[in-house]
Structures are given as structure tokens and as C-alpha cells.
Amino acid sequence: MGRREDVLDAAITLLGTDGVRAVTHRAVDAEAGLPAGATSNLFRTRDALLDGVVERFAAREKANWDDLAARTTPTTPAELTAVLATVARDAVGPHRTLTLARYVILVEAAHHPALRAALLAAGSRVDAWFTMWLRVAGSADPERDAPILMNAYSGLILHELANPDPAFDPAGRLTPLVEALMGGTDAP
């Protein structure tokens, strides 16, 4: 990993742990363990740094999704729910800082059209996975169902990040929605 990635990963950590106001060139230098000025040599402005952050976390999330997609393709509604539940637990567990950074940058994008465009481009890849998974799992209308399920999933994650529950059970919340969208259960 190069210095640019180190800087961007440090900025993501700051976003996910302390929010967008914590992301200054000086704070990123300190978080990355780099000399003062290293971040500003790579990203002259804060906007350029945030653009780089979106690019980097999109690459990290893509790698996570690519890994998941290579390991599994859910072929039933129950398998789809199980995969989404696993991803949800990972998002609020081992990938919590990255997930928090994504939500922080989503809110920031409301005020910065360039960030919004980059997020939409990155999100289109995830949209394609959800749509494909729904199709394979038996959805009659995956293009309709994907945004419904993705929005519910995002809300579930956001709620868990804001109000952690030690008994977090994403499958219990996702199963009724998946069944409603896909017309029932896997049972014969």
C-alpha cells in the first residue's frame, strides 16, 4: 500500500470515529503517522481529500463485495436473507468504521454534488449485485425489489450503528421483507 492509500485510510478512520469535522490535513497526517504536510502534498484542498476518500472507500467496499460475491450466490430467498444478515453483522462489527465513514460521507454529499456523483457511481456496482442476487434467488421483479431491499437494509444498518443492540438480529428483520418481496418462503 502506498502513501496515498495510507492517507486516505487514515481519513476514513477519522470519518468513522470522529465525524467529518475531524478530517483536517493535520489530523490525517497524525492518524497516518506521517510528517506534517504529507496530506496536503497529495490533496491540496479538503474537497480534494474528501473526493479521494470516496474513491478509496468505494474501492475498499468493492473489494469486500467482490470477495462476498466470489464466495456465494444466494439461490433462494432464505439464502439471500442469510447472506444479507452476514453482511449486516460485518458492517456493524468488523467493518464498523468503514460503514460509519460511508454514512458520514453520504450526509456530506447532500451539500457537495461532486461527492454525490462519485457515491452514485460506486453505488451502482452494489445495485447490480443486489439485482443479480434477487434475480437468481427468484424475484419476479428484481429491478423493483432491489431498491426496496437495499433501502431497508441501509436503514437497518444505520439504526444499529446509531443505537447498538447486543441482540442485533438482522435476519429477523430482513426475512419478512424478503418473503414479502419474493412471494413466500423456501418451504415446500
Protein backbone atom coordinates (compact mmCIF):
# COMPACT_ATOMS: atom_id res chain seq x y z
CA MET A 1 0.00 0.00 0.00
CA GLY A 2 1.31 3.44 -0.89
CA ARG A 3 1.32 6.74 0.91
CA ARG A 4 -1.85 7.90 -0.87
CA GLU A 5 -3.78 4.86 0.39
CA ASP A 6 -2.33 5.33 3.88
CA VAL A 7 -3.54 8.94 3.91
CA LEU A 8 -6.99 8.01 2.64
CA ASP A 9 -7.35 5.11 5.06
CA ALA A 10 -6.42 7.47 7.90
CA ALA A 11 -9.07 9.94 6.70
CA ILE A 12 -11.64 7.12 6.58
CA THR A 13 -10.73 6.16 10.13
CA LEU A 14 -11.21 9.75 11.27
CA LEU A 15 -14.54 9.98 9.44
CA GLY A 16 -15.77 6.77 11.00
CA THR A 17 -14.56 7.50 14.51
CA ASP A 18 -14.90 11.27 14.90
CA GLY A 19 -17.02 12.58 12.00
CA VAL A 20 -16.38 14.88 9.08
CA ARG A 21 -15.17 17.83 11.16
CA ALA A 22 -12.26 15.72 12.38
CA VAL A 23 -10.93 15.33 8.85
CA THR A 24 -8.29 18.02 8.53
CA HIS A 25 -4.97 17.71 6.75
CA ARG A 26 -3.12 17.91 10.06
CA ALA A 27 -5.34 15.29 11.75
CA VAL A 28 -4.96 12.93 8.80
CA ASP A 29 -1.17 13.33 8.94
CA ALA A 30 -1.22 12.43 12.63
CA GLU A 31 -3.58 9.48 12.17
CA ALA A 32 -1.45 8.12 9.33
CA GLY A 33 1.77 8.63 11.31
CA LEU A 34 3.14 10.92 8.61
CA PRO A 35 5.03 14.19 8.90
CA ALA A 36 3.05 17.42 8.89
CA GLY A 37 2.21 18.47 5.36
CA ALA A 38 2.14 14.98 3.85
CA THR A 39 -1.62 15.02 3.30
CA SER A 40 -1.63 18.49 1.78
CA ASN A 41 1.12 17.44 -0.63
CA LEU A 42 -1.26 14.80 -2.00
CA PHE A 43 -4.57 16.63 -1.58
CA ARG A 44 -4.27 20.40 -1.75
CA THR A 45 -7.82 21.09 -0.55
CA ARG A 46 -10.23 19.47 1.86
CA ASP A 47 -12.64 18.86 -1.04
CA ALA A 48 -9.90 17.02 -2.93
CA LEU A 49 -9.23 14.94 0.18
CA LEU A 50 -12.92 14.06 0.54
CA ASP A 51 -13.09 13.14 -3.15
CA GLY A 52 -10.14 10.83 -2.59
CA VAL A 53 -11.84 9.35 0.48
CA VAL A 54 -14.92 8.47 -1.57
CA GLU A 55 -12.74 6.83 -4.20
CA ARG A 56 -10.80 4.86 -1.58
CA PHE A 57 -13.71 3.64 0.47
CA ALA A 58 -15.56 2.73 -2.72
CA ALA A 59 -12.55 0.59 -3.65
CA ARG A 60 -12.47 -0.98 -0.19
CA GLU A 61 -16.19 -1.71 -0.20
CA LYS A 62 -15.95 -3.07 -3.75
CA ALA A 63 -13.22 -5.44 -2.60
CA ASN A 64 -15.45 -6.58 0.28
CA TRP A 65 -18.40 -7.12 -2.11
CA ASP A 66 -16.19 -8.83 -4.70
CA ASP A 67 -14.95 -11.22 -2.03
CA LEU A 68 -18.50 -11.96 -0.92
CA ALA A 69 -19.77 -12.38 -4.49
CA ALA A 70 -16.91 -14.78 -5.25
CA ARG A 71 -17.84 -16.91 -2.23
CA THR A 72 -21.61 -17.01 -2.60
CA THR A 73 -24.53 -16.50 -4.92
CA PRO A 74 -27.78 -16.91 -2.99
CA THR A 75 -30.26 -19.04 -4.96
CA THR A 76 -33.24 -18.92 -2.59
CA PRO A 77 -34.90 -16.21 -0.51
CA ALA A 78 -33.59 -17.89 2.68
CA GLU A 79 -30.02 -17.91 1.33
CA LEU A 80 -30.37 -14.27 0.28
CA THR A 81 -31.54 -13.33 3.76
CA ALA A 82 -28.67 -15.27 5.33
CA VAL A 83 -26.09 -13.51 3.13
CA LEU A 84 -27.57 -10.08 3.83
CA ALA A 85 -27.65 -10.82 7.55
CA THR A 86 -23.98 -11.80 7.47
CA VAL A 87 -23.08 -8.64 5.56
CA ALA A 88 -25.11 -6.56 8.02
CA ARG A 89 -23.32 -8.08 11.02
CA ASP A 90 -19.96 -7.42 9.33
CA ALA A 91 -20.98 -3.83 8.52
CA VAL A 92 -21.70 -3.03 12.16
CA GLY A 93 -18.91 -5.24 13.52
CA PRO A 94 -15.51 -5.65 11.86
CA HIS A 95 -16.28 -3.02 9.17
CA ARG A 96 -17.98 -0.58 11.56
CA THR A 97 -15.54 2.30 11.00
CA LEU A 98 -15.78 1.95 7.21
CA THR A 99 -19.58 1.78 7.43
CA LEU A 100 -19.77 4.84 9.67
CA ALA A 101 -17.48 6.69 7.26
CA ARG A 102 -19.87 5.81 4.41
CA TYR A 103 -22.84 7.26 6.27
CA VAL A 104 -20.90 10.38 7.26
CA ILE A 105 -19.88 10.96 3.66
CA LEU A 106 -23.45 10.31 2.45
CA VAL A 107 -24.67 13.17 4.63
CA GLU A 108 -21.78 15.35 3.45
CA ALA A 109 -22.74 14.58 -0.17
CA ALA A 110 -26.05 16.36 0.37
CA HIS A 111 -24.02 19.58 0.28
CA HIS A 112 -21.37 18.59 -2.28
CA PRO A 113 -22.62 17.49 -5.72
CA ALA A 114 -19.22 16.08 -6.74
CA LEU A 115 -19.27 13.70 -3.78
CA ARG A 116 -22.84 12.74 -4.63
CA ALA A 117 -21.86 11.83 -8.19
CA ALA A 118 -18.95 9.69 -7.01
CA LEU A 119 -21.16 7.91 -4.46
CA LEU A 120 -23.82 7.21 -7.08
CA ALA A 121 -21.22 5.68 -9.38
CA ALA A 122 -19.85 3.47 -6.61
CA GLY A 123 -23.35 2.54 -5.50
CA SER A 124 -24.33 1.39 -8.97
CA ARG A 125 -22.00 -1.61 -8.60
CA VAL A 126 -23.72 -2.66 -5.38
CA ASP A 127 -27.10 -2.11 -7.06
CA ALA A 128 -26.04 -4.54 -9.78
CA TRP A 129 -25.10 -7.22 -7.21
CA PHE A 130 -28.38 -6.84 -5.34
CA THR A 131 -30.36 -7.02 -8.56
CA MET A 132 -28.47 -10.10 -9.75
CA TRP A 133 -28.84 -11.81 -6.39
CA LEU A 134 -32.57 -11.12 -6.33
CA ARG A 135 -32.94 -12.46 -9.85
CA VAL A 136 -31.05 -15.68 -9.02
CA ALA A 137 -32.94 -16.08 -5.72
CA GLY A 138 -36.26 -15.97 -7.56
CA SER A 139 -37.54 -12.40 -7.54
CA ALA A 140 -40.21 -11.82 -10.17
CA ASP A 141 -39.15 -8.16 -10.45
CA PRO A 142 -35.57 -7.69 -9.22
CA GLU A 143 -35.29 -4.15 -10.60
CA ARG A 144 -38.26 -3.13 -8.43
CA ASP A 145 -37.26 -5.22 -5.41
CA ALA A 146 -33.58 -4.26 -5.25
CA PRO A 147 -34.03 -0.61 -4.20
CA ILE A 148 -36.72 -1.57 -1.69
CA LEU A 149 -34.48 -4.16 -0.06
CA MET A 150 -31.35 -2.00 -0.27
CA ASN A 151 -33.08 0.96 1.37
CA ALA A 152 -34.44 -1.23 4.17
CA TYR A 153 -31.02 -2.82 4.62
CA SER A 154 -29.36 0.62 4.77
CA GLY A 155 -31.87 1.80 7.36
CA LEU A 156 -31.32 -1.33 9.43
CA ILE A 157 -27.56 -0.73 9.41
CA LEU A 158 -27.89 2.97 10.19
CA HIS A 159 -30.22 2.24 13.10
CA GLU A 160 -27.83 -0.37 14.51
CA LEU A 161 -24.86 2.00 14.19
CA ALA A 162 -26.73 4.77 16.00
CA ASN A 163 -28.40 2.52 18.59
CA PRO A 164 -26.29 -0.62 19.04
CA ASP A 165 -28.22 -3.63 20.28
CA PRO A 166 -26.24 -6.57 21.67
CA ALA A 167 -29.02 -8.85 20.39
CA PHE A 168 -28.85 -7.42 16.85
CA ASP A 169 -30.64 -9.90 14.59
CA PRO A 170 -30.66 -8.67 11.01
CA ALA A 171 -32.17 -11.92 9.71
CA GLY A 172 -35.19 -11.46 11.95
CA ARG A 173 -35.80 -8.07 10.39
CA LEU A 174 -34.90 -8.95 6.80
CA THR A 175 -36.76 -12.27 6.50
CA PRO A 176 -40.30 -10.81 6.46
CA LEU A 177 -39.30 -8.22 3.86
CA VAL A 178 -37.55 -10.72 1.59
CA GLU A 179 -40.52 -13.07 1.88
CA ALA A 180 -42.98 -10.26 1.10
CA LEU A 181 -40.99 -9.14 -1.93
CA MET A 182 -40.40 -12.62 -3.25
CA GLY A 183 -43.78 -14.14 -2.54
CA GLY A 184 -43.24 -16.51 0.33
CA THR A 185 -40.68 -18.83 1.80
CA ASP A 186 -38.46 -21.61 0.54
CA ALA A 187 -40.54 -24.25 2.30
CA PRO A 188 -42.33 -26.77 0.04
